[in-house]
Amino acid sequence: DTYLKSRGESLNIEFADETTVWEAIKVAAAAGLSEMTVKEGLLTPVRIGQTNDIQFFYPPDVMLGSGPRRTDVHYQASEPSGIIVEYLNPTTGNTDTVECFLPGDSRARAKRIQALGITNQTQAWRYGMRERRRLAYKPASITFTTELDAMNSDYGNCDAIAMPINANQSFYVTGVSGSTVSLDGEVDLSGPDTYYAVSVSYTHLT
């Protein structure tokens, strides 16, 4: 409700058919570009947006077993190319549409979705563009096992993960001068991958 009001938007829907409370709540959250989550018996809407604030950092030494596993799922040519959103026009009482396309999309292969509870063209466009970008720019999935460290994270958090490079190599940065980084040992950076140095500081409490 706070998010909708801050943008001058609203939720307008009437459930005429039978549905479950859970399905109704998900519809209400979707109008605010959020997803419902359940944690410790509490329902919480989470909206994922742009942020540079990292809530928690997972280095390799807190990971159990074989470490992180990455799975990439890319956009397939057989998937929809564009989104057409159907929403209710409150003035006419009819269903209007708004097109949500990325460069190169084809209207003939567009997917039609309903924006339940949305009666504003701009709001419907934002709703559709989030779905379009979700289909086009699928993020990689990274899975790993840890102990109680995992309790630091919550739904929608922006966390950082450090992954070992080239068969679990590790090193310390001993100096930085401009774009030159000095290490305490030899590191194999061969191969087609691009490598980055991340500076992380720790505070130890005794």
N, C-alpha and C. Protein backbone atom coordinates (compact mmCIF):
# COMPACT_ATOMS: atom_id res chain seq x y z
N ASP A 1 0.83 -1.20 0.00
CA ASP A 1 0.00 0.00 0.00
C ASP A 1 0.87 1.25 0.00
N THR A 2 1.95 1.24 0.80
CA THR A 2 2.84 2.39 0.86
C THR A 2 3.52 2.63 -0.48
N TYR A 3 3.96 1.54 -1.12
CA TYR A 3 4.63 1.67 -2.41
C TYR A 3 3.67 2.20 -3.47
N LEU A 4 2.45 1.67 -3.51
CA LEU A 4 1.49 2.11 -4.52
C LEU A 4 1.16 3.59 -4.35
N LYS A 5 0.92 4.00 -3.11
CA LYS A 5 0.54 5.40 -2.87
C LYS A 5 1.68 6.35 -3.22
N SER A 6 2.93 5.92 -3.00
CA SER A 6 4.07 6.79 -3.27
C SER A 6 4.21 7.08 -4.76
N ARG A 7 3.63 6.24 -5.60
CA ARG A 7 3.71 6.44 -7.06
C ARG A 7 2.37 6.85 -7.65
N GLY A 8 1.39 7.14 -6.79
CA GLY A 8 0.09 7.55 -7.28
C GLY A 8 -0.68 6.42 -7.95
N GLU A 9 -0.39 5.19 -7.59
CA GLU A 9 -1.04 4.03 -8.18
C GLU A 9 -1.97 3.37 -7.16
N SER A 10 -2.71 2.36 -7.60
CA SER A 10 -3.67 1.74 -6.70
C SER A 10 -3.95 0.30 -7.13
N LEU A 11 -4.64 -0.42 -6.29
CA LEU A 11 -5.10 -1.78 -6.59
C LEU A 11 -6.62 -1.74 -6.69
N ASN A 12 -7.16 -2.13 -7.83
CA ASN A 12 -8.60 -2.09 -8.06
C ASN A 12 -9.06 -3.44 -8.60
N ILE A 13 -9.63 -4.26 -7.75
CA ILE A 13 -10.04 -5.59 -8.19
C ILE A 13 -11.19 -6.10 -7.32
N GLU A 14 -12.04 -6.87 -7.93
CA GLU A 14 -13.12 -7.53 -7.21
C GLU A 14 -13.06 -9.01 -7.56
N PHE A 15 -12.99 -9.86 -6.54
CA PHE A 15 -12.95 -11.30 -6.77
C PHE A 15 -14.38 -11.82 -6.83
N ALA A 16 -14.83 -12.11 -8.05
CA ALA A 16 -16.21 -12.58 -8.24
C ALA A 16 -16.31 -14.10 -8.17
N ASP A 17 -15.19 -14.79 -8.43
CA ASP A 17 -15.19 -16.25 -8.40
C ASP A 17 -14.46 -16.75 -7.16
N GLU A 18 -14.60 -18.04 -6.90
CA GLU A 18 -13.92 -18.62 -5.75
C GLU A 18 -12.41 -18.61 -5.97
N THR A 19 -11.69 -18.30 -4.92
CA THR A 19 -10.24 -18.33 -4.96
C THR A 19 -9.74 -18.58 -3.54
N THR A 20 -8.46 -18.83 -3.42
CA THR A 20 -7.88 -19.02 -2.10
C THR A 20 -7.33 -17.68 -1.59
N VAL A 21 -7.17 -17.58 -0.29
CA VAL A 21 -6.61 -16.36 0.29
C VAL A 21 -5.20 -16.13 -0.26
N TRP A 22 -4.43 -17.22 -0.41
CA TRP A 22 -3.06 -17.09 -0.89
C TRP A 22 -3.03 -16.54 -2.30
N GLU A 23 -3.89 -17.01 -3.18
CA GLU A 23 -3.93 -16.51 -4.56
C GLU A 23 -4.36 -15.05 -4.59
N ALA A 24 -5.30 -14.67 -3.74
CA ALA A 24 -5.76 -13.28 -3.70
C ALA A 24 -4.64 -12.36 -3.22
N ILE A 25 -3.88 -12.80 -2.23
CA ILE A 25 -2.78 -11.99 -1.71
C ILE A 25 -1.70 -11.81 -2.78
N LYS A 26 -1.41 -12.87 -3.55
CA LYS A 26 -0.40 -12.77 -4.60
C LYS A 26 -0.83 -11.77 -5.67
N VAL A 27 -2.11 -11.72 -6.00
CA VAL A 27 -2.61 -10.77 -6.97
C VAL A 27 -2.43 -9.35 -6.45
N ALA A 28 -2.74 -9.14 -5.19
CA ALA A 28 -2.60 -7.81 -4.59
C ALA A 28 -1.14 -7.37 -4.58
N ALA A 29 -0.23 -8.28 -4.27
CA ALA A 29 1.19 -7.94 -4.22
C ALA A 29 1.72 -7.65 -5.63
N ALA A 30 1.25 -8.41 -6.62
CA ALA A 30 1.75 -8.25 -7.99
C ALA A 30 1.45 -6.85 -8.53
N ALA A 31 0.33 -6.27 -8.16
CA ALA A 31 0.00 -4.92 -8.62
C ALA A 31 1.01 -3.90 -8.11
N GLY A 32 1.63 -4.20 -6.97
CA GLY A 32 2.69 -3.35 -6.44
C GLY A 32 4.07 -3.82 -6.85
N LEU A 33 4.13 -4.66 -7.89
CA LEU A 33 5.40 -5.20 -8.41
C LEU A 33 6.18 -5.92 -7.32
N SER A 34 5.46 -6.67 -6.51
CA SER A 34 6.07 -7.41 -5.41
C SER A 34 5.68 -8.88 -5.48
N GLU A 35 6.37 -9.69 -4.70
CA GLU A 35 6.04 -11.10 -4.56
C GLU A 35 5.86 -11.41 -3.09
N MET A 36 4.89 -12.27 -2.79
CA MET A 36 4.64 -12.65 -1.41
C MET A 36 5.62 -13.75 -1.00
N THR A 37 6.15 -13.63 0.19
CA THR A 37 7.06 -14.64 0.74
C THR A 37 6.53 -15.07 2.10
N VAL A 38 6.96 -16.25 2.52
CA VAL A 38 6.56 -16.77 3.83
C VAL A 38 7.83 -17.12 4.59
N LYS A 39 8.01 -16.53 5.76
CA LYS A 39 9.16 -16.83 6.60
C LYS A 39 8.72 -16.85 8.05
N GLU A 40 8.98 -17.94 8.71
CA GLU A 40 8.64 -18.12 10.11
C GLU A 40 7.16 -17.82 10.36
N GLY A 41 6.31 -18.25 9.43
CA GLY A 41 4.87 -18.11 9.59
C GLY A 41 4.31 -16.74 9.26
N LEU A 42 5.13 -15.81 8.79
CA LEU A 42 4.67 -14.46 8.48
C LEU A 42 4.69 -14.22 6.98
N LEU A 43 3.64 -13.58 6.47
CA LEU A 43 3.55 -13.21 5.06
C LEU A 43 4.19 -11.83 4.88
N THR A 44 5.13 -11.74 3.95
CA THR A 44 5.82 -10.47 3.73
C THR A 44 5.96 -10.21 2.23
N PRO A 45 5.46 -9.06 1.73
CA PRO A 45 5.68 -8.74 0.32
C PRO A 45 7.10 -8.22 0.12
N VAL A 46 7.77 -8.72 -0.91
CA VAL A 46 9.14 -8.31 -1.20
C VAL A 46 9.19 -7.79 -2.63
N ARG A 47 9.71 -6.58 -2.77
CA ARG A 47 9.87 -5.99 -4.10
C ARG A 47 11.36 -5.85 -4.38
N ILE A 48 11.83 -6.50 -5.42
CA ILE A 48 13.25 -6.46 -5.77
C ILE A 48 13.48 -5.29 -6.72
N GLY A 49 14.33 -4.38 -6.31
CA GLY A 49 14.65 -3.22 -7.13
C GLY A 49 16.15 -3.05 -7.25
N GLN A 50 16.57 -1.99 -7.89
CA GLN A 50 17.99 -1.72 -8.06
C GLN A 50 18.59 -1.26 -6.74
N THR A 51 19.76 -1.81 -6.42
CA THR A 51 20.45 -1.41 -5.20
C THR A 51 21.93 -1.72 -5.32
N ASN A 52 22.75 -0.93 -4.66
CA ASN A 52 24.18 -1.19 -4.57
C ASN A 52 24.59 -1.55 -3.14
N ASP A 53 23.60 -1.69 -2.26
CA ASP A 53 23.88 -1.99 -0.86
C ASP A 53 23.92 -3.50 -0.65
N ILE A 54 25.08 -4.02 -0.31
CA ILE A 54 25.24 -5.45 -0.06
C ILE A 54 24.94 -5.75 1.40
N GLN A 55 23.96 -6.64 1.62
CA GLN A 55 23.57 -6.95 2.99
C GLN A 55 24.52 -7.94 3.67
N PHE A 56 25.01 -8.92 2.92
CA PHE A 56 25.88 -9.93 3.52
C PHE A 56 26.84 -10.48 2.47
N PHE A 57 28.01 -10.90 2.94
CA PHE A 57 29.05 -11.41 2.05
C PHE A 57 29.37 -12.86 2.41
N TYR A 58 29.37 -13.74 1.40
CA TYR A 58 29.67 -15.16 1.60
C TYR A 58 31.01 -15.51 0.95
N PRO A 59 32.08 -15.60 1.72
CA PRO A 59 33.37 -16.04 1.17
C PRO A 59 33.43 -17.57 1.13
N PRO A 60 34.38 -18.15 0.41
CA PRO A 60 34.46 -19.62 0.31
C PRO A 60 34.65 -20.33 1.65
N ASP A 61 35.24 -19.67 2.64
CA ASP A 61 35.52 -20.37 3.89
C ASP A 61 34.29 -20.63 4.74
N VAL A 62 33.11 -20.06 4.38
CA VAL A 62 31.90 -20.38 5.12
C VAL A 62 31.03 -21.37 4.35
N MET A 63 31.51 -21.83 3.19
CA MET A 63 30.74 -22.77 2.37
C MET A 63 31.18 -24.20 2.65
N LEU A 64 30.20 -25.08 2.70
CA LEU A 64 30.47 -26.49 2.96
C LEU A 64 30.49 -27.27 1.65
N GLY A 65 31.10 -28.45 1.70
CA GLY A 65 31.11 -29.33 0.53
C GLY A 65 31.96 -28.80 -0.60
N SER A 66 31.45 -28.91 -1.81
CA SER A 66 32.21 -28.56 -3.01
C SER A 66 32.14 -27.08 -3.36
N GLY A 67 31.48 -26.29 -2.53
CA GLY A 67 31.40 -24.86 -2.80
C GLY A 67 30.24 -24.49 -3.70
N PRO A 68 30.25 -23.30 -4.27
CA PRO A 68 29.12 -22.83 -5.07
C PRO A 68 29.00 -23.54 -6.41
N ARG A 69 27.76 -23.74 -6.84
CA ARG A 69 27.46 -24.32 -8.15
C ARG A 69 26.62 -23.30 -8.92
N ARG A 70 27.05 -22.99 -10.12
CA ARG A 70 26.37 -21.98 -10.93
C ARG A 70 25.64 -22.63 -12.09
N THR A 71 24.40 -22.21 -12.30
CA THR A 71 23.58 -22.70 -13.40
C THR A 71 23.08 -21.51 -14.21
N ASP A 72 23.38 -21.52 -15.49
CA ASP A 72 22.94 -20.43 -16.37
C ASP A 72 21.80 -20.91 -17.25
N VAL A 73 20.71 -20.16 -17.27
CA VAL A 73 19.57 -20.44 -18.14
C VAL A 73 19.37 -19.22 -19.03
N HIS A 74 19.62 -19.37 -20.32
CA HIS A 74 19.57 -18.24 -21.23
C HIS A 74 18.24 -18.19 -21.98
N TYR A 75 17.97 -17.04 -22.54
CA TYR A 75 16.76 -16.86 -23.34
C TYR A 75 16.80 -17.76 -24.56
N GLN A 76 15.70 -18.46 -24.81
CA GLN A 76 15.60 -19.36 -25.94
C GLN A 76 14.76 -18.73 -27.05
N ALA A 77 15.12 -19.04 -28.29
CA ALA A 77 14.41 -18.47 -29.43
C ALA A 77 12.94 -18.88 -29.46
N SER A 78 12.60 -19.99 -28.81
CA SER A 78 11.22 -20.47 -28.80
C SER A 78 10.35 -19.73 -27.78
N GLU A 79 10.96 -18.92 -26.92
CA GLU A 79 10.20 -18.20 -25.89
C GLU A 79 9.53 -16.97 -26.50
N PRO A 80 8.54 -16.40 -25.77
CA PRO A 80 7.85 -15.21 -26.29
C PRO A 80 8.81 -14.06 -26.56
N SER A 81 8.46 -13.28 -27.57
CA SER A 81 9.27 -12.11 -27.95
C SER A 81 8.41 -10.87 -27.76
N GLY A 82 8.36 -10.37 -26.54
CA GLY A 82 7.52 -9.23 -26.22
C GLY A 82 6.35 -9.62 -25.33
N ILE A 83 5.80 -8.63 -24.65
CA ILE A 83 4.66 -8.84 -23.75
C ILE A 83 3.57 -7.83 -24.11
N ILE A 84 2.33 -8.31 -24.19
CA ILE A 84 1.17 -7.44 -24.34
C ILE A 84 0.33 -7.58 -23.08
N VAL A 85 0.17 -6.47 -22.38
CA VAL A 85 -0.54 -6.49 -21.09
C VAL A 85 -1.98 -6.05 -21.28
N GLU A 86 -2.90 -6.83 -20.76
CA GLU A 86 -4.32 -6.48 -20.75
C GLU A 86 -4.68 -5.90 -19.39
N TYR A 87 -5.30 -4.73 -19.37
CA TYR A 87 -5.72 -4.11 -18.11
C TYR A 87 -7.09 -3.47 -18.30
N LEU A 88 -7.77 -3.23 -17.21
CA LEU A 88 -9.13 -2.69 -17.27
C LEU A 88 -9.09 -1.17 -17.34
N ASN A 89 -9.72 -0.60 -18.36
CA ASN A 89 -9.85 0.85 -18.48
C ASN A 89 -11.04 1.29 -17.61
N PRO A 90 -10.80 2.05 -16.53
CA PRO A 90 -11.89 2.40 -15.62
C PRO A 90 -12.91 3.36 -16.23
N THR A 91 -12.53 4.06 -17.30
CA THR A 91 -13.44 5.01 -17.92
C THR A 91 -14.45 4.31 -18.81
N THR A 92 -13.95 3.40 -19.65
CA THR A 92 -14.83 2.70 -20.60
C THR A 92 -15.37 1.39 -20.04
N GLY A 93 -14.69 0.84 -19.04
CA GLY A 93 -15.09 -0.47 -18.51
C GLY A 93 -14.65 -1.61 -19.40
N ASN A 94 -13.87 -1.31 -20.44
CA ASN A 94 -13.39 -2.33 -21.36
C ASN A 94 -11.92 -2.66 -21.06
N THR A 95 -11.45 -3.73 -21.69
CA THR A 95 -10.06 -4.14 -21.54
C THR A 95 -9.21 -3.44 -22.59
N ASP A 96 -8.20 -2.72 -22.14
CA ASP A 96 -7.24 -2.09 -23.03
C ASP A 96 -5.93 -2.87 -22.97
N THR A 97 -5.04 -2.59 -23.90
CA THR A 97 -3.75 -3.27 -23.93
C THR A 97 -2.62 -2.25 -24.03
N VAL A 98 -1.45 -2.66 -23.55
CA VAL A 98 -0.24 -1.87 -23.70
C VAL A 98 0.88 -2.82 -24.06
N GLU A 99 1.71 -2.41 -25.02
CA GLU A 99 2.79 -3.26 -25.51
C GLU A 99 4.08 -2.99 -24.73
N CYS A 100 4.75 -4.08 -24.35
CA CYS A 100 6.00 -4.00 -23.60
C CYS A 100 7.06 -4.76 -24.40
N PHE A 101 7.82 -4.02 -25.22
CA PHE A 101 8.77 -4.64 -26.13
C PHE A 101 10.19 -4.14 -25.85
N LEU A 102 11.14 -5.03 -26.10
CA LEU A 102 12.55 -4.69 -26.13
C LEU A 102 12.99 -4.60 -27.59
N PRO A 103 14.11 -3.95 -27.88
CA PRO A 103 14.56 -3.88 -29.27
C PRO A 103 14.67 -5.27 -29.90
N GLY A 104 14.08 -5.43 -31.08
CA GLY A 104 14.11 -6.71 -31.78
C GLY A 104 12.93 -7.61 -31.50
N ASP A 105 12.03 -7.21 -30.60
CA ASP A 105 10.86 -8.04 -30.30
C ASP A 105 9.89 -8.04 -31.47
N SER A 106 9.07 -9.10 -31.51
CA SER A 106 8.09 -9.25 -32.58
C SER A 106 6.69 -9.34 -31.99
N ARG A 107 5.78 -8.49 -32.49
CA ARG A 107 4.41 -8.52 -31.97
C ARG A 107 3.73 -9.85 -32.26
N ALA A 108 4.13 -10.50 -33.34
CA ALA A 108 3.51 -11.77 -33.70
C ALA A 108 3.85 -12.87 -32.69
N ARG A 109 4.96 -12.73 -31.98
CA ARG A 109 5.37 -13.75 -31.02
C ARG A 109 5.25 -13.27 -29.58
N ALA A 110 4.48 -12.20 -29.37
CA ALA A 110 4.35 -11.63 -28.03
C ALA A 110 3.43 -12.50 -27.16
N LYS A 111 3.69 -12.45 -25.89
CA LYS A 111 2.88 -13.17 -24.90
C LYS A 111 1.88 -12.20 -24.28
N ARG A 112 0.63 -12.62 -24.16
CA ARG A 112 -0.42 -11.77 -23.57
C ARG A 112 -0.60 -12.16 -22.11
N ILE A 113 -0.59 -11.17 -21.24
CA ILE A 113 -0.82 -11.42 -19.82
C ILE A 113 -1.85 -10.43 -19.30
N GLN A 114 -2.52 -10.78 -18.22
CA GLN A 114 -3.51 -9.92 -17.59
C GLN A 114 -2.90 -9.25 -16.36
N ALA A 115 -3.09 -7.95 -16.26
CA ALA A 115 -2.64 -7.21 -15.08
C ALA A 115 -3.84 -7.04 -14.16
N LEU A 116 -4.10 -8.04 -13.34
CA LEU A 116 -5.25 -8.01 -12.46
C LEU A 116 -5.09 -6.92 -11.41
N GLY A 117 -6.13 -6.13 -11.22
CA GLY A 117 -6.11 -5.08 -10.22
C GLY A 117 -5.49 -3.78 -10.69
N ILE A 118 -4.99 -3.74 -11.93
CA ILE A 118 -4.34 -2.55 -12.46
C ILE A 118 -5.27 -1.87 -13.46
N THR A 119 -5.51 -0.58 -13.25
CA THR A 119 -6.42 0.17 -14.12
C THR A 119 -5.77 1.43 -14.66
N ASN A 120 -4.44 1.42 -14.73
CA ASN A 120 -3.69 2.59 -15.20
C ASN A 120 -2.68 2.12 -16.24
N GLN A 121 -2.61 2.84 -17.38
CA GLN A 121 -1.75 2.40 -18.48
C GLN A 121 -0.28 2.38 -18.08
N THR A 122 0.19 3.41 -17.40
CA THR A 122 1.60 3.46 -16.99
C THR A 122 1.93 2.33 -16.04
N GLN A 123 1.04 2.09 -15.08
CA GLN A 123 1.24 1.00 -14.13
C GLN A 123 1.25 -0.35 -14.84
N ALA A 124 0.38 -0.51 -15.83
CA ALA A 124 0.33 -1.76 -16.60
C ALA A 124 1.61 -1.94 -17.40
N TRP A 125 2.16 -0.85 -17.94
CA TRP A 125 3.41 -0.93 -18.71
C TRP A 125 4.56 -1.35 -17.80
N ARG A 126 4.65 -0.77 -16.62
CA ARG A 126 5.70 -1.16 -15.68
C ARG A 126 5.58 -2.63 -15.31
N TYR A 127 4.36 -3.07 -15.11
CA TYR A 127 4.08 -4.47 -14.77
C TYR A 127 4.58 -5.39 -15.89
N GLY A 128 4.27 -5.02 -17.13
CA GLY A 128 4.65 -5.85 -18.26
C GLY A 128 6.14 -5.83 -18.55
N MET A 129 6.80 -4.67 -18.38
CA MET A 129 8.22 -4.57 -18.67
C MET A 129 9.05 -5.37 -17.67
N ARG A 130 8.61 -5.48 -16.44
CA ARG A 130 9.32 -6.32 -15.48
C ARG A 130 9.28 -7.78 -15.92
N GLU A 131 8.11 -8.21 -16.43
CA GLU A 131 7.98 -9.58 -16.90
C GLU A 131 8.80 -9.78 -18.17
N ARG A 132 8.81 -8.78 -19.05
CA ARG A 132 9.58 -8.91 -20.29
C ARG A 132 11.07 -9.03 -20.00
N ARG A 133 11.58 -8.20 -19.10
CA ARG A 133 13.00 -8.26 -18.78
C ARG A 133 13.34 -9.54 -18.02
N ARG A 134 12.39 -10.04 -17.24
CA ARG A 134 12.64 -11.30 -16.53
C ARG A 134 12.84 -12.44 -17.52
N LEU A 135 12.07 -12.44 -18.59
CA LEU A 135 12.20 -13.48 -19.61
C LEU A 135 13.49 -13.31 -20.42
N ALA A 136 13.83 -12.07 -20.73
CA ALA A 136 14.97 -11.82 -21.63
C ALA A 136 16.31 -11.92 -20.93
N TYR A 137 16.37 -11.45 -19.69
CA TYR A 137 17.66 -11.37 -18.98
C TYR A 137 17.63 -12.25 -17.75
N LYS A 138 17.60 -13.55 -17.97
CA LYS A 138 17.53 -14.49 -16.84
C LYS A 138 18.84 -14.44 -16.06
N PRO A 139 18.78 -14.23 -14.75
CA PRO A 139 20.01 -14.24 -13.96
C PRO A 139 20.51 -15.66 -13.74
N ALA A 140 21.80 -15.78 -13.49
CA ALA A 140 22.36 -17.09 -13.17
C ALA A 140 21.89 -17.52 -11.79
N SER A 141 21.78 -18.82 -11.58
CA SER A 141 21.40 -19.37 -10.29
C SER A 141 22.64 -19.96 -9.62
N ILE A 142 22.96 -19.48 -8.43
CA ILE A 142 24.13 -19.95 -7.68
C ILE A 142 23.66 -20.61 -6.40
N THR A 143 24.07 -21.86 -6.20
CA THR A 143 23.65 -22.65 -5.05
C THR A 143 24.87 -23.11 -4.26
N PHE A 144 24.79 -22.98 -2.95
CA PHE A 144 25.85 -23.49 -2.09
C PHE A 144 25.26 -23.79 -0.71
N THR A 145 26.01 -24.55 0.06
CA THR A 145 25.57 -24.95 1.40
C THR A 145 26.46 -24.30 2.45
N THR A 146 25.84 -23.78 3.49
CA THR A 146 26.59 -23.18 4.58
C THR A 146 25.90 -23.55 5.90
N GLU A 147 26.42 -23.07 6.99
CA GLU A 147 25.81 -23.38 8.28
C GLU A 147 24.89 -22.23 8.69
N LEU A 148 25.04 -21.69 9.87
CA LEU A 148 24.13 -20.66 10.35
C LEU A 148 24.28 -19.34 9.61
N ASP A 149 25.34 -19.21 8.79
CA ASP A 149 25.53 -17.97 8.03
C ASP A 149 24.32 -17.68 7.14
N ALA A 150 23.66 -18.72 6.66
CA ALA A 150 22.53 -18.52 5.75
C ALA A 150 21.39 -17.76 6.41
N MET A 151 21.33 -17.77 7.74
CA MET A 151 20.25 -17.07 8.43
C MET A 151 20.43 -15.55 8.37
N ASN A 152 21.61 -15.09 7.90
CA ASN A 152 21.81 -13.66 7.74
C ASN A 152 21.04 -13.09 6.55
N SER A 153 20.71 -13.95 5.59
CA SER A 153 20.05 -13.50 4.36
C SER A 153 18.54 -13.63 4.46
N ASP A 154 17.86 -12.79 3.71
CA ASP A 154 16.41 -12.83 3.66
C ASP A 154 15.97 -12.68 2.21
N TYR A 155 14.68 -12.90 1.95
CA TYR A 155 14.15 -12.77 0.61
C TYR A 155 14.43 -11.37 0.06
N GLY A 156 14.94 -11.33 -1.17
CA GLY A 156 15.17 -10.06 -1.82
C GLY A 156 16.44 -9.36 -1.43
N ASN A 157 17.25 -9.95 -0.55
CA ASN A 157 18.51 -9.32 -0.17
C ASN A 157 19.48 -9.26 -1.35
N CYS A 158 20.33 -8.27 -1.36
CA CYS A 158 21.42 -8.18 -2.32
C CYS A 158 22.69 -8.62 -1.61
N ASP A 159 23.10 -9.87 -1.81
CA ASP A 159 24.27 -10.44 -1.14
C ASP A 159 25.40 -10.63 -2.14
N ALA A 160 26.61 -10.69 -1.63
CA ALA A 160 27.79 -10.91 -2.48
C ALA A 160 28.35 -12.30 -2.20
N ILE A 161 28.82 -12.97 -3.26
CA ILE A 161 29.40 -14.30 -3.13
C ILE A 161 30.78 -14.29 -3.77
N ALA A 162 31.77 -14.78 -3.03
CA ALA A 162 33.12 -14.92 -3.58
C ALA A 162 33.30 -16.37 -4.00
N MET A 163 33.66 -16.56 -5.28
CA MET A 163 33.83 -17.91 -5.80
C MET A 163 35.31 -18.16 -6.08
N PRO A 164 35.82 -19.33 -5.68
CA PRO A 164 37.22 -19.63 -5.97
C PRO A 164 37.47 -19.70 -7.47
N ILE A 165 38.66 -19.30 -7.91
CA ILE A 165 38.98 -19.31 -9.33
C ILE A 165 40.00 -20.41 -9.62
N ASN A 166 39.86 -21.04 -10.79
CA ASN A 166 40.83 -22.04 -11.25
C ASN A 166 41.24 -23.03 -10.17
N ALA A 167 40.35 -23.94 -9.84
CA ALA A 167 40.64 -25.04 -8.91
C ALA A 167 41.06 -24.53 -7.53
N ASN A 168 40.22 -23.69 -6.96
CA ASN A 168 40.39 -23.27 -5.56
C ASN A 168 41.70 -22.55 -5.29
N GLN A 169 42.14 -21.71 -6.19
CA GLN A 169 43.30 -20.89 -5.90
C GLN A 169 42.91 -19.81 -4.89
N SER A 170 43.84 -19.43 -4.07
CA SER A 170 43.58 -18.35 -3.12
C SER A 170 44.85 -17.54 -2.95
N PHE A 171 44.70 -16.30 -2.59
CA PHE A 171 45.84 -15.43 -2.43
C PHE A 171 45.43 -14.21 -1.62
N TYR A 172 46.42 -13.48 -1.16
CA TYR A 172 46.20 -12.21 -0.47
C TYR A 172 46.73 -11.08 -1.32
N VAL A 173 46.03 -9.96 -1.30
CA VAL A 173 46.50 -8.76 -1.99
C VAL A 173 47.50 -8.06 -1.07
N THR A 174 48.72 -7.88 -1.55
CA THR A 174 49.76 -7.26 -0.73
C THR A 174 49.99 -5.80 -1.08
N GLY A 175 49.43 -5.37 -2.19
CA GLY A 175 49.61 -3.97 -2.55
C GLY A 175 48.80 -3.59 -3.77
N VAL A 176 48.40 -2.32 -3.85
CA VAL A 176 47.66 -1.80 -5.00
C VAL A 176 48.25 -0.46 -5.38
N SER A 177 48.63 -0.33 -6.65
CA SER A 177 49.19 0.91 -7.16
C SER A 177 48.54 1.22 -8.50
N GLY A 178 47.60 2.16 -8.48
CA GLY A 178 46.86 2.45 -9.71
C GLY A 178 46.04 1.25 -10.14
N SER A 179 46.31 0.76 -11.35
CA SER A 179 45.59 -0.42 -11.84
C SER A 179 46.39 -1.71 -11.64
N THR A 180 47.51 -1.63 -10.90
CA THR A 180 48.34 -2.81 -10.66
C THR A 180 48.08 -3.37 -9.26
N VAL A 181 47.78 -4.67 -9.21
CA VAL A 181 47.51 -5.34 -7.95
C VAL A 181 48.62 -6.35 -7.69
N SER A 182 49.27 -6.28 -6.51
CA SER A 182 50.33 -7.21 -6.14
C SER A 182 49.76 -8.29 -5.22
N LEU A 183 50.14 -9.56 -5.50
CA LEU A 183 49.65 -10.70 -4.72
C LEU A 183 50.80 -11.36 -4.00
N ASP A 184 50.44 -12.23 -3.04
CA ASP A 184 51.48 -12.90 -2.27
C ASP A 184 51.90 -14.22 -2.89
N GLY A 185 51.45 -14.52 -4.10
CA GLY A 185 51.83 -15.76 -4.76
C GLY A 185 51.46 -15.72 -6.22
N GLU A 186 51.82 -16.82 -6.93
CA GLU A 186 51.51 -16.93 -8.34
C GLU A 186 50.07 -17.43 -8.52
N VAL A 187 49.33 -16.78 -9.40
CA VAL A 187 47.94 -17.16 -9.66
C VAL A 187 47.77 -17.40 -11.15
N ASP A 188 47.13 -18.52 -11.50
CA ASP A 188 46.91 -18.86 -12.90
C ASP A 188 45.64 -18.16 -13.39
N LEU A 189 45.79 -17.15 -14.21
CA LEU A 189 44.65 -16.41 -14.75
C LEU A 189 44.47 -16.70 -16.23
N SER A 190 44.94 -17.85 -16.68
CA SER A 190 44.79 -18.22 -18.08
C SER A 190 43.35 -18.64 -18.37
N GLY A 191 43.01 -18.68 -19.60
CA GLY A 191 41.67 -19.09 -19.99
C GLY A 191 40.85 -17.91 -20.46
N PRO A 192 39.64 -18.19 -20.93
CA PRO A 192 38.81 -17.13 -21.53
C PRO A 192 38.07 -16.28 -20.52
N ASP A 193 38.10 -16.62 -19.24
CA ASP A 193 37.30 -15.91 -18.25
C ASP A 193 37.90 -14.54 -17.93
N THR A 194 37.06 -13.67 -17.39
CA THR A 194 37.50 -12.36 -16.91
C THR A 194 37.53 -12.41 -15.38
N TYR A 195 38.60 -11.95 -14.77
CA TYR A 195 38.75 -12.03 -13.33
C TYR A 195 38.72 -10.64 -12.71
N TYR A 196 38.19 -10.62 -11.49
CA TYR A 196 38.06 -9.36 -10.77
C TYR A 196 38.64 -9.51 -9.37
N ALA A 197 39.17 -8.42 -8.83
CA ALA A 197 39.66 -8.41 -7.45
C ALA A 197 38.65 -7.66 -6.60
N VAL A 198 38.22 -8.28 -5.51
CA VAL A 198 37.23 -7.69 -4.62
C VAL A 198 37.89 -7.44 -3.28
N SER A 199 37.80 -6.22 -2.78
CA SER A 199 38.38 -5.88 -1.49
C SER A 199 37.32 -6.02 -0.41
N VAL A 200 37.59 -6.84 0.59
CA VAL A 200 36.64 -7.08 1.68
C VAL A 200 37.36 -6.89 3.00
N SER A 201 36.79 -6.13 3.91
CA SER A 201 37.39 -5.94 5.23
C SER A 201 36.54 -6.61 6.28
N TYR A 202 37.16 -7.17 7.31
CA TYR A 202 36.46 -7.86 8.37
C TYR A 202 36.72 -7.15 9.69
N THR A 203 35.75 -7.19 10.58
CA THR A 203 35.91 -6.71 11.94
C THR A 203 35.71 -7.89 12.88
N HIS A 204 36.72 -8.26 13.63
CA HIS A 204 36.62 -9.40 14.53
C HIS A 204 36.33 -8.91 15.94
N LEU A 205 35.29 -9.47 16.53
CA LEU A 205 34.92 -9.10 17.91
C LEU A 205 35.47 -10.17 18.85
N THR A 206 36.14 -9.74 19.94
CA THR A 206 36.68 -10.68 20.93
C THR A 206 36.08 -10.42 22.28
